[in-house]
Amino acid sequence: MLERIVGFVLLLFTLPAVAQTARPAQSGWVADSKTGCRLWNTAPEPNETASWSGPCVNGLAHGQGVQQWFVNGKPASRYSGNYRNGMKNGYGEITWSSGAHYEGEWKDNKANGRGRYTKISGEHIEGIWTNGCLRQGTERVTVGATRADCGF
């Protein structure tokens, strides 16, 4: 009986460590495994990888190209547009595996400037984005930012 209690107590102490490993990785650079070109990932998923088809300057995606994110080997999002110093900057379009879509201006991986977001339902929301945030009437949308970043 004492062995079972000790085993149970040890299990309780290991659970927090197991739970911590399930968290997504922190923001950081992810390199295309074929080219070594790096892209900034603001919100990485576990087992996420990337590919980049455009120019690479000083080891960072830079210029016009196509970036594809994969989670567990399956396509997660596809971006076609401009990168500067490894981040989305300028005009570009992204489509997520859910079917949602954003096209418009970017600054440092966040929707910034004129842009249009298309929901999975097909409904459009467009306007002027600031640091990944759009407030329009009762609508609150984020692209490249969290709801907390936007104060939603």
C-alpha atoms as a PDB file:
ATOM      1  CA  MET A   1       0.000   0.000   0.000  1.00  0.00           C
ATOM      2  CA  LEU A   2       2.851   2.404   0.862  1.00  0.00           C
ATOM      3  CA  GLU A   3       4.412   1.725  -2.567  1.00  0.00           C
ATOM      4  CA  ARG A   4       1.177   2.765  -4.294  1.00  0.00           C
ATOM      5  CA  ILE A   5       0.975   6.000  -2.310  1.00  0.00           C
ATOM      6  CA  VAL A   6       4.620   6.839  -3.079  1.00  0.00           C
ATOM      7  CA  GLY A   7       4.021   6.041  -6.765  1.00  0.00           C
ATOM      8  CA  PHE A   8       0.942   8.263  -6.819  1.00  0.00           C
ATOM      9  CA  VAL A   9       2.826  11.157  -5.176  1.00  0.00           C
ATOM     10  CA  LEU A  10       5.679  10.799  -7.692  1.00  0.00           C
ATOM     11  CA  LEU A  11       3.166  10.826 -10.535  1.00  0.00           C
ATOM     12  CA  LEU A  12       1.683  14.085  -9.224  1.00  0.00           C
ATOM     13  CA  PHE A  13       5.129  15.690  -9.240  1.00  0.00           C
ATOM     14  CA  THR A  14       5.842  14.622 -12.842  1.00  0.00           C
ATOM     15  CA  LEU A  15       2.528  15.829 -14.312  1.00  0.00           C
ATOM     16  CA  PRO A  16       3.512  19.524 -14.357  1.00  0.00           C
ATOM     17  CA  ALA A  17       6.656  18.637 -16.336  1.00  0.00           C
ATOM     18  CA  VAL A  18       4.624  16.631 -18.847  1.00  0.00           C
ATOM     19  CA  ALA A  19       2.112  19.470 -19.220  1.00  0.00           C
ATOM     20  CA  GLN A  20       4.918  21.946 -19.901  1.00  0.00           C
ATOM     21  CA  THR A  21       6.208  19.952 -22.855  1.00  0.00           C
ATOM     22  CA  ALA A  22       2.809  20.266 -24.573  1.00  0.00           C
ATOM     23  CA  ARG A  23       3.093  24.056 -24.830  1.00  0.00           C
ATOM     24  CA  PRO A  24       3.828  25.578 -28.228  1.00  0.00           C
ATOM     25  CA  ALA A  25       7.391  26.713 -28.751  1.00  0.00           C
ATOM     26  CA  GLN A  26       8.266  30.366 -28.193  1.00  0.00           C
ATOM     27  CA  SER A  27       8.544  32.845 -31.038  1.00  0.00           C
ATOM     28  CA  GLY A  28      11.740  32.571 -33.003  1.00  0.00           C
ATOM     29  CA  TRP A  29      13.550  31.838 -36.231  1.00  0.00           C
ATOM     30  CA  VAL A  30      12.666  28.748 -38.250  1.00  0.00           C
ATOM     31  CA  ALA A  31      14.924  27.682 -41.113  1.00  0.00           C
ATOM     32  CA  ASP A  32      13.771  26.123 -44.371  1.00  0.00           C
ATOM     33  CA  SER A  33      15.376  22.664 -44.173  1.00  0.00           C
ATOM     34  CA  LYS A  34      16.362  22.734 -47.875  1.00  0.00           C
ATOM     35  CA  THR A  35      17.769  26.250 -48.218  1.00  0.00           C
ATOM     36  CA  GLY A  36      18.612  27.195 -44.616  1.00  0.00           C
ATOM     37  CA  CYS A  37      16.817  30.506 -45.175  1.00  0.00           C
ATOM     38  CA  ARG A  38      15.225  31.689 -41.917  1.00  0.00           C
ATOM     39  CA  LEU A  39      11.712  33.037 -41.319  1.00  0.00           C
ATOM     40  CA  TRP A  40      10.314  34.582 -38.150  1.00  0.00           C
ATOM     41  CA  ASN A  41       7.545  32.561 -36.502  1.00  0.00           C
ATOM     42  CA  THR A  42       5.440  34.657 -34.137  1.00  0.00           C
ATOM     43  CA  ALA A  43       3.192  31.821 -32.915  1.00  0.00           C
ATOM     44  CA  PRO A  44       4.833  28.430 -33.548  1.00  0.00           C
ATOM     45  CA  GLU A  45       2.925  25.170 -33.300  1.00  0.00           C
ATOM     46  CA  PRO A  46       4.525  21.933 -32.087  1.00  0.00           C
ATOM     47  CA  ASN A  47       6.210  20.056 -34.980  1.00  0.00           C
ATOM     48  CA  GLU A  48       5.984  23.071 -37.296  1.00  0.00           C
ATOM     49  CA  THR A  49       8.349  23.472 -40.254  1.00  0.00           C
ATOM     50  CA  ALA A  50       8.586  25.935 -43.132  1.00  0.00           C
ATOM     51  CA  SER A  51       9.638  26.301 -46.736  1.00  0.00           C
ATOM     52  CA  TRP A  52      10.565  29.504 -48.589  1.00  0.00           C
ATOM     53  CA  SER A  53      10.844  29.882 -52.377  1.00  0.00           C
ATOM     54  CA  GLY A  54      12.132  33.457 -52.592  1.00  0.00           C
ATOM     55  CA  PRO A  55      15.475  35.209 -52.221  1.00  0.00           C
ATOM     56  CA  CYS A  56      17.574  34.790 -49.099  1.00  0.00           C
ATOM     57  CA  VAL A  57      19.786  37.678 -47.963  1.00  0.00           C
ATOM     58  CA  ASN A  58      22.193  37.161 -45.052  1.00  0.00           C
ATOM     59  CA  GLY A  59      20.338  33.945 -44.184  1.00  0.00           C
ATOM     60  CA  LEU A  60      16.899  35.615 -43.981  1.00  0.00           C
ATOM     61  CA  ALA A  61      13.920  35.537 -46.356  1.00  0.00           C
ATOM     62  CA  HIS A  62      14.069  38.845 -48.215  1.00  0.00           C
ATOM     63  CA  GLY A  63      12.036  39.848 -51.276  1.00  0.00           C
ATOM     64  CA  GLN A  64       9.114  38.364 -53.175  1.00  0.00           C
ATOM     65  CA  GLY A  65       8.363  34.684 -52.623  1.00  0.00           C
ATOM     66  CA  VAL A  66       6.104  31.969 -51.294  1.00  0.00           C
ATOM     67  CA  GLN A  67       6.308  30.686 -47.734  1.00  0.00           C
ATOM     68  CA  GLN A  68       4.532  27.525 -46.602  1.00  0.00           C
ATOM     69  CA  TRP A  69       4.125  26.420 -42.979  1.00  0.00           C
ATOM     70  CA  PHE A  70       3.596  22.728 -42.220  1.00  0.00           C
ATOM     71  CA  VAL A  71       2.406  21.117 -38.970  1.00  0.00           C
ATOM     72  CA  ASN A  72       3.227  17.415 -38.676  1.00  0.00           C
ATOM     73  CA  GLY A  73       4.065  17.481 -42.388  1.00  0.00           C
ATOM     74  CA  LYS A  74       0.638  18.831 -43.415  1.00  0.00           C
ATOM     75  CA  PRO A  75       0.133  22.327 -44.931  1.00  0.00           C
ATOM     76  CA  ALA A  76      -0.993  24.842 -42.291  1.00  0.00           C
ATOM     77  CA  SER A  77      -0.752  28.225 -44.028  1.00  0.00           C
ATOM     78  CA  ARG A  78       0.599  29.613 -47.283  1.00  0.00           C
ATOM     79  CA  TYR A  79       1.854  33.163 -47.757  1.00  0.00           C
ATOM     80  CA  SER A  80       2.682  34.770 -51.082  1.00  0.00           C
ATOM     81  CA  GLY A  81       4.237  38.206 -50.941  1.00  0.00           C
ATOM     82  CA  ASN A  82       7.089  40.305 -49.681  1.00  0.00           C
ATOM     83  CA  TYR A  83       9.514  39.530 -46.893  1.00  0.00           C
ATOM     84  CA  ARG A  84      12.121  41.840 -45.406  1.00  0.00           C
ATOM     85  CA  ASN A  85      14.737  40.592 -42.956  1.00  0.00           C
ATOM     86  CA  GLY A  86      12.862  37.318 -42.448  1.00  0.00           C
ATOM     87  CA  MET A  87       9.463  38.891 -41.725  1.00  0.00           C
ATOM     88  CA  LYS A  88       6.361  39.649 -43.775  1.00  0.00           C
ATOM     89  CA  ASN A  89       6.654  43.290 -44.864  1.00  0.00           C
ATOM     90  CA  GLY A  90       4.847  45.053 -47.707  1.00  0.00           C
ATOM     91  CA  TYR A  91       1.983  43.499 -49.642  1.00  0.00           C
ATOM     92  CA  GLY A  92       1.106  39.835 -49.268  1.00  0.00           C
ATOM     93  CA  GLU A  93      -1.652  37.244 -49.069  1.00  0.00           C
ATOM     94  CA  ILE A  94      -1.998  34.402 -46.600  1.00  0.00           C
ATOM     95  CA  THR A  95      -4.420  31.491 -46.607  1.00  0.00           C
ATOM     96  CA  TRP A  96      -4.799  29.199 -43.608  1.00  0.00           C
ATOM     97  CA  SER A  97      -5.748  25.525 -43.825  1.00  0.00           C
ATOM     98  CA  SER A  98      -9.127  26.486 -42.310  1.00  0.00           C
ATOM     99  CA  GLY A  99      -9.890  28.479 -45.466  1.00  0.00           C
ATOM    100  CA  ALA A 100      -9.617  31.918 -43.836  1.00  0.00           C
ATOM    101  CA  HIS A 101      -7.634  34.436 -45.909  1.00  0.00           C
ATOM    102  CA  TYR A 102      -5.960  37.838 -45.480  1.00  0.00           C
ATOM    103  CA  GLU A 103      -4.650  40.053 -48.246  1.00  0.00           C
ATOM    104  CA  GLY A 104      -3.112  43.429 -47.710  1.00  0.00           C
ATOM    105  CA  GLU A 105      -0.223  45.275 -46.146  1.00  0.00           C
ATOM    106  CA  TRP A 106       2.148  43.824 -43.537  1.00  0.00           C
ATOM    107  CA  LYS A 107       4.735  45.222 -41.156  1.00  0.00           C
ATOM    108  CA  ASP A 108       7.001  42.910 -39.144  1.00  0.00           C
ATOM    109  CA  ASN A 109       4.720  39.847 -39.570  1.00  0.00           C
ATOM    110  CA  LYS A 110       1.545  41.712 -38.582  1.00  0.00           C
ATOM    111  CA  ALA A 111      -1.300  43.004 -40.745  1.00  0.00           C
ATOM    112  CA  ASN A 112      -0.641  46.732 -40.871  1.00  0.00           C
ATOM    113  CA  GLY A 113      -2.237  49.210 -43.253  1.00  0.00           C
ATOM    114  CA  ARG A 114      -5.063  48.515 -45.706  1.00  0.00           C
ATOM    115  CA  GLY A 115      -6.171  44.889 -45.690  1.00  0.00           C
ATOM    116  CA  ARG A 116      -9.065  42.506 -46.179  1.00  0.00           C
ATOM    117  CA  TYR A 117      -9.782  39.437 -44.061  1.00  0.00           C
ATOM    118  CA  THR A 118     -12.083  36.720 -45.366  1.00  0.00           C
ATOM    119  CA  LYS A 119     -13.683  34.478 -42.755  1.00  0.00           C
ATOM    120  CA  ILE A 120     -14.249  30.753 -43.256  1.00  0.00           C
ATOM    121  CA  SER A 121     -17.914  31.628 -43.936  1.00  0.00           C
ATOM    122  CA  GLY A 122     -16.832  33.832 -46.849  1.00  0.00           C
ATOM    123  CA  GLU A 123     -17.766  37.083 -45.078  1.00  0.00           C
ATOM    124  CA  HIS A 124     -15.235  39.910 -45.658  1.00  0.00           C
ATOM    125  CA  ILE A 125     -13.954  42.485 -43.229  1.00  0.00           C
ATOM    126  CA  GLU A 126     -11.710  45.216 -44.553  1.00  0.00           C
ATOM    127  CA  GLY A 127     -10.162  48.337 -43.209  1.00  0.00           C
ATOM    128  CA  ILE A 128      -6.992  49.855 -41.839  1.00  0.00           C
ATOM    129  CA  TRP A 129      -5.080  47.426 -39.618  1.00  0.00           C
ATOM    130  CA  THR A 130      -2.722  48.515 -36.838  1.00  0.00           C
ATOM    131  CA  ASN A 131      -0.092  46.096 -35.474  1.00  0.00           C
ATOM    132  CA  GLY A 132      -2.166  43.053 -36.441  1.00  0.00           C
ATOM    133  CA  CYS A 133      -5.452  44.425 -35.078  1.00  0.00           C
ATOM    134  CA  LEU A 134      -8.665  45.543 -36.763  1.00  0.00           C
ATOM    135  CA  ARG A 135     -11.656  47.039 -34.933  1.00  0.00           C
ATOM    136  CA  GLN A 136     -14.658  47.683 -37.084  1.00  0.00           C
ATOM    137  CA  GLY A 137     -18.012  48.169 -35.389  1.00  0.00           C
ATOM    138  CA  THR A 138     -18.463  45.155 -33.143  1.00  0.00           C
ATOM    139  CA  GLU A 139     -15.925  43.084 -35.129  1.00  0.00           C
ATOM    140  CA  ARG A 140     -12.501  42.398 -33.635  1.00  0.00           C
ATOM    141  CA  VAL A 141     -10.004  40.550 -35.846  1.00  0.00           C
ATOM    142  CA  THR A 142      -6.305  39.757 -35.442  1.00  0.00           C
ATOM    143  CA  VAL A 143      -3.704  38.705 -38.016  1.00  0.00           C
ATOM    144  CA  GLY A 144      -0.169  38.235 -36.704  1.00  0.00           C
ATOM    145  CA  ALA A 145      -1.161  39.351 -33.201  1.00  0.00           C
ATOM    146  CA  THR A 146      -3.094  37.834 -30.324  1.00  0.00           C
ATOM    147  CA  ARG A 147      -6.375  39.151 -28.991  1.00  0.00           C
ATOM    148  CA  ALA A 148      -4.481  40.129 -25.828  1.00  0.00           C
ATOM    149  CA  ASP A 149      -1.915  42.081 -27.921  1.00  0.00           C
ATOM    150  CA  CYS A 150      -4.829  44.028 -29.395  1.00  0.00           C
ATOM    151  CA  GLY A 151      -6.641  44.554 -26.099  1.00  0.00           C
ATOM    152  CA  PHE A 152      -9.669  42.498 -27.201  1.00  0.00           C
END
